[in-house]
């Protein structure tokens, strides 16, 4: 399983009358894995 986080940033007039700014923040990728079957105690 994987999860990707891509923050979208929108700001209006950050520095006086500067208009708007738009962009993407740092993209983070998370990967998860686990065994197919639980262990002898039922734990994964």
C-alpha atoms as a PDB file:
ATOM      1  CA  UNK A   1       0.000   0.000   0.000  1.00  0.00           C
ATOM      2  CA  UNK A   2       1.223   3.504  -0.662  1.00  0.00           C
ATOM      3  CA  UNK A   3       0.138   7.057   0.065  1.00  0.00           C
ATOM      4  CA  UNK A   4       1.200  10.244  -1.703  1.00  0.00           C
ATOM      5  CA  UNK A   5       0.708  13.664  -0.123  1.00  0.00           C
ATOM      6  CA  UNK A   6       0.953  16.705  -2.436  1.00  0.00           C
ATOM      7  CA  UNK A   7       0.032  19.934  -0.620  1.00  0.00           C
ATOM      8  CA  UNK A   8      -1.544  22.651  -2.788  1.00  0.00           C
ATOM      9  CA  UNK A   9      -0.786  26.179  -1.598  1.00  0.00           C
ATOM     10  CA  UNK A  10      -2.780  29.321  -2.435  1.00  0.00           C
ATOM     11  CA  UNK A  11      -2.045  32.702  -0.832  1.00  0.00           C
ATOM     12  CA  UNK A  12      -3.497  36.167  -1.453  1.00  0.00           C
ATOM     13  CA  UNK A  13      -1.518  39.405  -0.958  1.00  0.00           C
ATOM     14  CA  UNK A  14       1.252  37.984   1.232  1.00  0.00           C
ATOM     15  CA  UNK A  15       3.411  41.113   0.901  1.00  0.00           C
ATOM     16  CA  UNK A  16       1.131  44.131   0.552  1.00  0.00           C
ATOM     17  CA  UNK A  17      -0.618  44.367  -2.820  1.00  0.00           C
ATOM     18  CA  UNK A  18       1.397  41.531  -4.408  1.00  0.00           C
ATOM     19  CA  UNK A  19      -1.475  39.548  -5.940  1.00  0.00           C
ATOM     20  CA  UNK A  20      -1.764  35.840  -5.372  1.00  0.00           C
ATOM     21  CA  UNK A  21       0.732  33.007  -5.210  1.00  0.00           C
ATOM     22  CA  UNK A  22      -0.026  29.397  -6.108  1.00  0.00           C
ATOM     23  CA  UNK A  23       2.084  26.252  -6.056  1.00  0.00           C
ATOM     24  CA  UNK A  24       2.796  22.784  -4.728  1.00  0.00           C
ATOM     25  CA  UNK A  25       4.571  22.061  -1.453  1.00  0.00           C
ATOM     26  CA  UNK A  26       6.972  19.199  -0.768  1.00  0.00           C
ATOM     27  CA  UNK A  27       5.553  15.915  -2.058  1.00  0.00           C
ATOM     28  CA  UNK A  28       5.782  13.027   0.434  1.00  0.00           C
ATOM     29  CA  UNK A  29       5.540   9.349  -0.525  1.00  0.00           C
ATOM     30  CA  UNK A  30       4.816   6.735   2.171  1.00  0.00           C
ATOM     31  CA  UNK A  31       5.055   2.992   1.545  1.00  0.00           C
ATOM     32  CA  UNK A  32       3.612   0.337   3.864  1.00  0.00           C
ATOM     33  CA  UNK A  33       4.007  -3.428   3.862  1.00  0.00           C
ATOM     34  CA  UNK A  34       3.075  -6.303   6.152  1.00  0.00           C
ATOM     35  CA  UNK A  35       3.025 -10.106   6.039  1.00  0.00           C
ATOM     36  CA  UNK A  36       0.115 -11.801   4.227  1.00  0.00           C
ATOM     37  CA  UNK A  37      -0.832 -13.965   7.207  1.00  0.00           C
ATOM     38  CA  UNK A  38      -0.821 -13.170  10.952  1.00  0.00           C
ATOM     39  CA  UNK A  39       1.906 -14.776  13.044  1.00  0.00           C
ATOM     40  CA  UNK A  40       1.314 -17.617  15.525  1.00  0.00           C
ATOM     41  CA  UNK A  41       0.006 -15.181  18.160  1.00  0.00           C
ATOM     42  CA  UNK A  42      -2.348 -13.474  15.687  1.00  0.00           C
ATOM     43  CA  UNK A  43      -0.168 -10.358  15.413  1.00  0.00           C
ATOM     44  CA  UNK A  44       0.757  -8.708  12.155  1.00  0.00           C
END
